[in-house]
Protein backbone atom coordinates (compact mmCIF):
# COMPACT_ATOMS: atom_id res chain seq x y z
CA MET A 1 78.68 -105.81 128.76
CA MET A 2 79.59 -105.02 125.17
CA LYS A 3 82.37 -107.60 125.25
CA VAL A 4 79.92 -110.25 126.42
CA ALA A 5 77.43 -109.28 123.68
CA ARG A 6 80.17 -109.44 121.06
CA PHE A 7 81.39 -112.81 122.36
CA LEU A 8 77.85 -114.21 122.24
CA GLY A 9 77.36 -112.68 118.81
CA VAL A 10 80.47 -114.39 117.47
CA LEU A 11 79.32 -117.73 118.92
CA ILE A 12 75.86 -117.32 117.34
CA THR A 13 77.44 -116.34 114.02
CA LEU A 14 79.79 -119.33 114.02
CA ALA A 15 76.96 -121.68 114.96
CA SER A 16 74.85 -120.18 112.14
CA TRP A 17 77.65 -120.73 109.64
CA VAL A 18 77.91 -124.38 110.69
CA TYR A 19 74.14 -124.79 110.41
CA VAL A 20 74.05 -123.18 106.96
CA ALA A 21 77.06 -125.22 105.75
CA ARG A 22 75.40 -128.46 106.85
CA ALA A 23 72.17 -127.43 105.13
CA LEU A 24 74.05 -126.63 101.92
CA VAL A 25 75.83 -130.00 101.92
CA LYS A 26 72.71 -131.93 102.82
CA ASN A 27 69.94 -130.10 101.00
CA TRP A 28 71.50 -128.05 98.20
CA GLN A 29 69.55 -128.64 95.02
CA LEU A 30 69.04 -126.61 91.89
CA PRO A 31 65.42 -127.05 90.77
CA ALA A 32 65.24 -129.21 87.66
CA ASP A 33 63.22 -126.68 85.66
CA VAL A 34 65.46 -123.73 86.62
CA SER A 35 68.45 -123.08 84.38
CA ILE A 36 71.57 -121.19 85.41
CA PRO A 37 71.08 -118.39 82.80
CA SER A 38 67.50 -117.80 83.96
CA THR A 39 68.68 -117.77 87.59
CA ILE A 40 71.34 -115.16 86.79
CA ALA A 41 68.76 -113.02 84.99
CA GLU A 42 66.38 -113.30 87.93
CA ILE A 43 69.14 -112.32 90.37
CA LEU A 44 69.97 -109.23 88.30
CA VAL A 45 66.34 -108.10 88.16
CA LEU A 46 65.71 -108.75 91.85
CA SER A 47 68.94 -106.99 92.83
CA PHE A 48 67.64 -103.80 91.23
CA VAL A 49 64.37 -104.29 93.10
CA TYR A 50 66.45 -104.45 96.27
CA VAL A 51 68.06 -101.13 95.31
CA VAL A 52 64.60 -99.60 95.66
CA ALA A 53 64.33 -101.15 99.13
CA LEU A 54 67.65 -99.55 100.11
CA MET A 55 66.48 -96.18 98.82
CA VAL A 56 63.45 -96.50 101.10
CA LEU A 57 65.78 -97.15 104.06
CA ALA A 58 67.83 -94.08 103.14
CA PHE A 59 64.72 -91.90 103.06
CA ALA A 60 63.63 -93.25 106.46
CA TRP A 61 67.01 -92.28 107.91
CA GLN A 62 66.69 -88.76 106.47
CA ARG A 63 63.32 -88.38 108.22
CA LEU A 64 64.92 -89.48 111.49
CA LEU A 65 67.62 -86.85 111.00
CA ILE A 66 64.83 -84.26 110.85
CA PHE A 67 63.32 -85.65 114.06
CA SER A 68 66.78 -85.46 115.63
CA GLY A 69 66.95 -81.75 114.82
CA CYS A 70 68.91 -81.85 111.54
CA ALA A 71 66.94 -80.39 108.62
CA GLY A 72 70.00 -79.46 106.56
CA ILE A 73 70.56 -82.77 104.77
CA PRO A 74 68.09 -83.13 101.87
CA PRO A 75 66.88 -86.58 100.70
CA PRO A 76 69.29 -86.80 97.70
CA ARG A 77 72.30 -86.16 99.95
CA ALA A 78 71.03 -88.63 102.57
CA LEU A 79 70.59 -91.19 99.80
CA ILE A 80 74.22 -90.76 98.68
CA ILE A 81 75.58 -90.98 102.23
CA PHE A 82 73.53 -94.09 102.95
CA GLY A 83 74.43 -95.79 99.67
CA LYS A 84 78.17 -95.17 99.97
CA SER A 85 78.32 -96.51 103.51
CA GLU A 86 75.85 -99.43 103.54
CA VAL A 87 78.10 -101.89 101.69
CA GLN A 88 80.74 -101.45 104.42
CA LYS A 89 78.64 -103.47 106.86
CA TYR A 90 80.39 -106.57 105.53
CA ILE A 91 83.62 -105.43 107.18
CA PRO A 92 83.97 -107.45 110.42
CA SER A 93 82.50 -105.72 113.52
CA ASN A 94 79.22 -104.80 111.75
CA VAL A 95 79.56 -101.14 112.75
CA VAL A 96 81.92 -99.70 110.12
CA HIS A 97 79.02 -98.60 107.92
CA PHE A 98 77.55 -96.64 110.85
CA VAL A 99 80.89 -94.92 111.44
CA SER A 100 81.16 -94.05 107.73
CA ARG A 101 77.64 -92.63 107.69
CA TYR A 102 78.42 -90.74 110.87
CA PHE A 103 81.43 -88.92 109.38
CA GLN A 104 79.79 -88.23 106.01
CA ALA A 105 76.72 -86.73 107.70
CA GLN A 106 78.98 -84.55 109.84
CA GLN A 107 80.68 -83.24 106.70
CA SER A 108 77.22 -82.34 105.37
CA GLY A 109 76.41 -80.19 108.38
CA ALA A 110 74.90 -82.55 110.96
CA THR A 111 76.16 -82.48 114.53
CA ILE A 112 77.56 -85.47 116.41
CA ARG A 113 74.46 -85.64 118.59
CA GLN A 114 72.02 -85.46 115.66
CA VAL A 115 73.71 -88.26 113.71
CA GLY A 116 74.12 -90.43 116.80
CA MET A 117 70.47 -89.99 117.74
CA SER A 118 69.27 -90.73 114.19
CA LEU A 119 71.28 -93.99 114.14
CA PHE A 120 69.98 -94.94 117.59
CA LEU A 121 66.39 -94.30 116.49
CA GLU A 122 66.94 -96.15 113.21
CA ALA A 123 68.11 -99.26 115.04
CA GLY A 124 65.19 -99.17 117.44
CA LEU A 125 62.46 -98.47 114.89
CA ILE A 126 63.59 -100.97 112.28
CA VAL A 127 63.83 -103.74 114.89
CA PHE A 128 60.44 -102.68 116.27
CA THR A 129 58.82 -102.76 112.81
CA GLY A 130 60.36 -106.13 112.00
CA ALA A 131 59.15 -107.53 115.34
CA VAL A 132 55.61 -106.29 114.68
CA ILE A 133 55.52 -107.91 111.24
CA THR A 134 56.94 -111.15 112.61
CA LEU A 135 54.47 -111.18 115.50
CA LEU A 136 51.52 -110.66 113.15
CA GLY A 137 52.58 -113.19 110.54
CA ASP A 138 54.94 -115.78 111.98
CA VAL A 139 54.76 -115.75 115.76
CA ASP A 140 55.49 -119.49 116.00
CA HIS A 141 59.01 -119.14 114.62
CA LEU A 142 59.63 -116.04 116.75
CA THR A 143 58.58 -117.95 119.87
CA GLU A 144 60.71 -120.98 118.99
CA LEU A 145 63.82 -118.88 118.35
CA THR A 146 63.51 -116.59 121.39
CA HIS A 147 61.62 -118.83 123.85
CA VAL A 148 59.53 -115.78 124.78
CA ASN A 149 55.75 -116.08 125.14
CA PRO A 150 53.80 -114.29 122.35
CA ALA A 151 51.81 -112.36 124.98
CA ILE A 152 55.04 -110.80 126.23
CA TRP A 153 55.98 -109.72 122.68
CA GLN A 154 52.53 -108.21 122.24
CA ALA A 155 52.87 -106.26 125.48
CA ILE A 156 56.30 -104.95 124.49
CA ILE A 157 55.04 -103.79 121.10
CA ALA A 158 51.99 -102.10 122.67
CA LEU A 159 54.26 -100.22 125.06
CA CYS A 160 56.50 -99.13 122.18
CA LEU A 161 53.49 -97.73 120.32
CA LEU A 162 52.32 -95.58 123.24
CA PRO A 163 54.77 -92.68 122.64
CA LEU A 164 53.57 -92.34 119.03
CA VAL A 165 49.92 -92.29 120.11
CA PHE A 166 50.40 -89.97 123.08
CA TRP A 167 53.02 -87.89 121.33
CA HIS A 168 52.93 -84.61 123.25
CA THR A 169 52.71 -86.33 126.62
CA ALA A 170 55.68 -88.51 125.73
CA GLY A 171 57.57 -85.45 124.56
CA SER A 172 56.91 -83.62 127.80
CA LEU A 173 58.09 -86.56 129.89
CA LEU A 174 61.13 -87.52 127.82
CA SER A 175 62.26 -83.91 127.41
CA ARG A 176 63.09 -83.91 131.11
CA PHE A 177 66.11 -86.05 130.16
CA SER A 178 68.93 -84.29 128.31
CA PHE A 179 69.34 -87.27 125.97
CA PHE A 180 65.87 -86.68 124.44
CA ARG A 181 65.58 -82.92 124.91
CA ALA A 182 66.91 -81.93 121.47
CA LEU A 183 64.40 -84.08 119.57
CA ASN A 184 61.67 -82.43 117.51
CA TRP A 185 58.52 -83.12 119.55
CA SER A 186 56.30 -81.08 117.22
CA GLU A 187 53.73 -82.60 114.86
CA ARG A 188 56.40 -82.54 112.17
CA GLY A 189 58.53 -84.76 114.39
CA ARG A 190 55.69 -87.23 114.87
CA LEU A 191 55.13 -87.28 111.11
CA SER A 192 58.84 -87.99 110.53
CA VAL A 193 58.76 -90.97 112.89
CA ALA A 194 55.51 -92.28 111.37
CA VAL A 195 56.93 -91.96 107.84
CA SER A 196 60.08 -93.81 108.93
CA ILE A 197 58.01 -96.70 110.30
CA LEU A 198 56.05 -96.84 107.02
CA CYS A 199 59.36 -96.90 105.13
CA TYR A 200 60.59 -99.82 107.22
CA LEU A 201 57.31 -101.62 106.61
CA THR A 202 57.78 -101.04 102.86
CA PHE A 203 61.35 -102.31 103.08
CA PHE A 204 60.24 -105.59 104.67
CA LEU A 205 57.43 -105.95 102.14
CA ILE A 206 59.96 -105.67 99.32
CA CYS A 207 62.32 -108.16 100.99
CA GLY A 208 59.44 -110.56 101.53
CA GLY A 209 58.36 -110.09 97.94
CA ILE A 210 61.83 -111.05 96.71
CA ILE A 211 61.86 -114.23 98.82
CA HIS A 212 58.27 -115.03 97.82
CA THR A 213 59.29 -114.72 94.17
CA LEU A 214 62.20 -117.11 94.68
CA VAL A 215 60.00 -119.65 96.50
CA ALA A 216 57.12 -119.35 94.01
CA ARG A 217 59.53 -119.99 91.14
CA LEU A 218 60.20 -123.45 92.58
CA GLY A 219 56.60 -124.41 91.88
CA ILE A 220 56.12 -125.91 95.36
CA THR A 221 52.85 -125.52 97.22
CA GLY A 222 53.02 -125.57 100.98
CA ALA A 223 52.52 -123.80 104.25
CA GLY A 224 54.67 -120.87 103.28
CA ASP A 225 52.71 -119.83 100.20
CA SER A 226 51.08 -116.94 102.08
CA PHE A 227 52.73 -113.72 100.96
CA PHE A 228 52.42 -112.09 104.37
CA LYS A 229 53.93 -115.12 106.10
CA THR A 230 56.90 -114.90 103.75
CA VAL A 231 57.21 -111.19 104.57
CA SER A 232 57.21 -112.03 108.27
CA ILE A 233 59.93 -114.65 107.72
CA ALA A 234 61.98 -112.06 105.82
CA ALA A 235 61.54 -109.57 108.67
CA LEU A 236 62.52 -112.17 111.28
CA ALA A 237 65.65 -113.16 109.34
CA TRP A 238 66.69 -109.56 108.68
CA VAL A 239 66.22 -108.44 112.29
CA ALA A 240 68.05 -111.53 113.59
CA GLY A 241 71.06 -110.69 111.42
CA TYR A 242 70.84 -107.04 112.45
CA VAL A 243 70.85 -107.50 116.21
CA VAL A 244 73.58 -110.16 116.42
CA VAL A 245 76.73 -108.21 117.26
CA GLY A 246 79.79 -109.32 115.31
CA SER A 247 77.95 -110.80 112.33
CA PRO A 248 79.15 -108.85 109.24
CA GLY A 249 76.04 -107.95 107.29
CA GLY A 250 74.17 -110.69 109.14
CA ILE A 251 75.94 -113.31 107.00
CA GLY A 252 75.10 -116.77 108.26
CA VAL A 253 72.50 -115.65 110.78
CA ARG A 254 69.95 -114.51 108.19
CA GLU A 255 70.58 -117.54 105.99
CA GLY A 256 70.20 -119.83 109.00
CA VAL A 257 66.85 -118.31 109.97
CA LEU A 258 65.62 -118.44 106.37
CA ILE A 259 66.61 -122.10 105.93
CA TYR A 260 64.95 -122.98 109.24
CA ALA A 261 61.76 -121.00 108.57
CA LEU A 262 61.38 -121.83 104.87
CA THR A 263 61.71 -125.60 105.22
CA GLY A 264 57.92 -125.92 105.29
CA SER A 265 57.45 -124.09 101.98
CA ALA A 266 60.68 -124.63 100.06
CA GLY A 267 61.63 -128.02 101.51
CA SER A 268 65.03 -129.22 100.35
CA PHE A 269 65.34 -126.06 98.23
CA SER A 270 65.40 -123.77 101.29
CA ALA A 271 69.21 -123.54 101.12
CA TYR A 272 68.96 -122.54 97.45
CA VAL A 273 66.45 -119.80 98.32
CA ALA A 274 68.53 -118.49 101.25
CA VAL A 275 71.79 -118.32 99.30
CA THR A 276 70.14 -116.82 96.22
CA TYR A 277 68.49 -114.18 98.40
CA ARG A 278 71.88 -113.25 99.88
CA ILE A 279 73.35 -112.90 96.37
CA VAL A 280 70.41 -110.68 95.40
CA THR A 281 70.84 -108.39 98.41
CA LEU A 282 74.62 -108.22 98.02
CA GLY A 283 74.17 -107.38 94.33
CA GLY A 284 71.65 -104.68 95.20
CA GLU A 285 74.02 -103.14 97.74
CA LEU A 286 76.85 -103.09 95.22
CA TRP A 287 74.62 -101.49 92.56
CA PHE A 288 73.44 -98.93 95.10
CA PHE A 289 77.02 -98.15 96.12
CA LEU A 290 78.09 -97.62 92.50
CA ILE A 291 75.05 -95.45 91.71
CA CYS A 292 75.55 -93.28 94.81
CA THR A 293 79.30 -92.96 94.24
CA LEU A 294 78.70 -91.81 90.67
CA ALA A 295 75.98 -89.39 91.80
CA ASP A 296 78.32 -87.97 94.46
CA ARG A 297 81.08 -87.35 91.92
CA LEU A 298 78.67 -85.65 89.54
CA ALA A 299 77.41 -83.44 92.37
CA GLN A 300 80.96 -82.50 93.30
CA ARG A 301 81.75 -81.55 89.67
CA LYS A 302 78.68 -79.33 89.51
CA ALA A 303 79.72 -77.64 92.75
CA ILE A 304 83.14 -76.68 91.33
């Protein structure tokens, strides 16, 4: 099954690269009133904004570690582990960063089961949050890309929310299975999950804000001027790149979705927006990696 998923993921990734390449050749334009120096300055500023978004993701993961039964990794340590591993997602296979985070967390006192469960929950909750945002703000594009009726998406999301609403009942039922037995089904556990979902919502708001800034700078008025719609497009693109197995860092897949979804608002500049957004996120990940690496070395010196 995994081989089939990886094969399909590679096909989707290659098709996305072709689609993006054609869009770049056909539609690439640098807005007349946008100079290269100002673009570089904007990329630098927005990349640091994206660092904040990554810090939010790191905090969400730390809360999921608590829910998974690991309370021994404080937020600063979780931040360092997350920051040092996240940039490795660009290594082909799209799982190296998870493996790196897995081993670093183990060295900090977490068990194999706790780290594995936190990563499993992270994947599920971030996809769930992105799907909710997309469904609320840009259901048309979601339906076109997945060919799934909106009513079905709404039903799936409602079912996913039930455990959070009926927390103790869900805990009693799921605890019958050994896979879920070690989870923290107390009120603190529910709070950790709720905080994680809020963090993922904040992450997508920041990503949408970055894209909205890039589109607004073009001075084009259109269907995509709604901030929340741009956030939903950002969530759809991010989740699409996340779930496609074999796409390193979602390269190609996210750009393809952005170009497709932003055509209404950015027109022929959609390729410019998509590529600039990728440069911003890559820059933010590199800054975050350098900051966390430096912080880790300073912490190690203090410990000596």
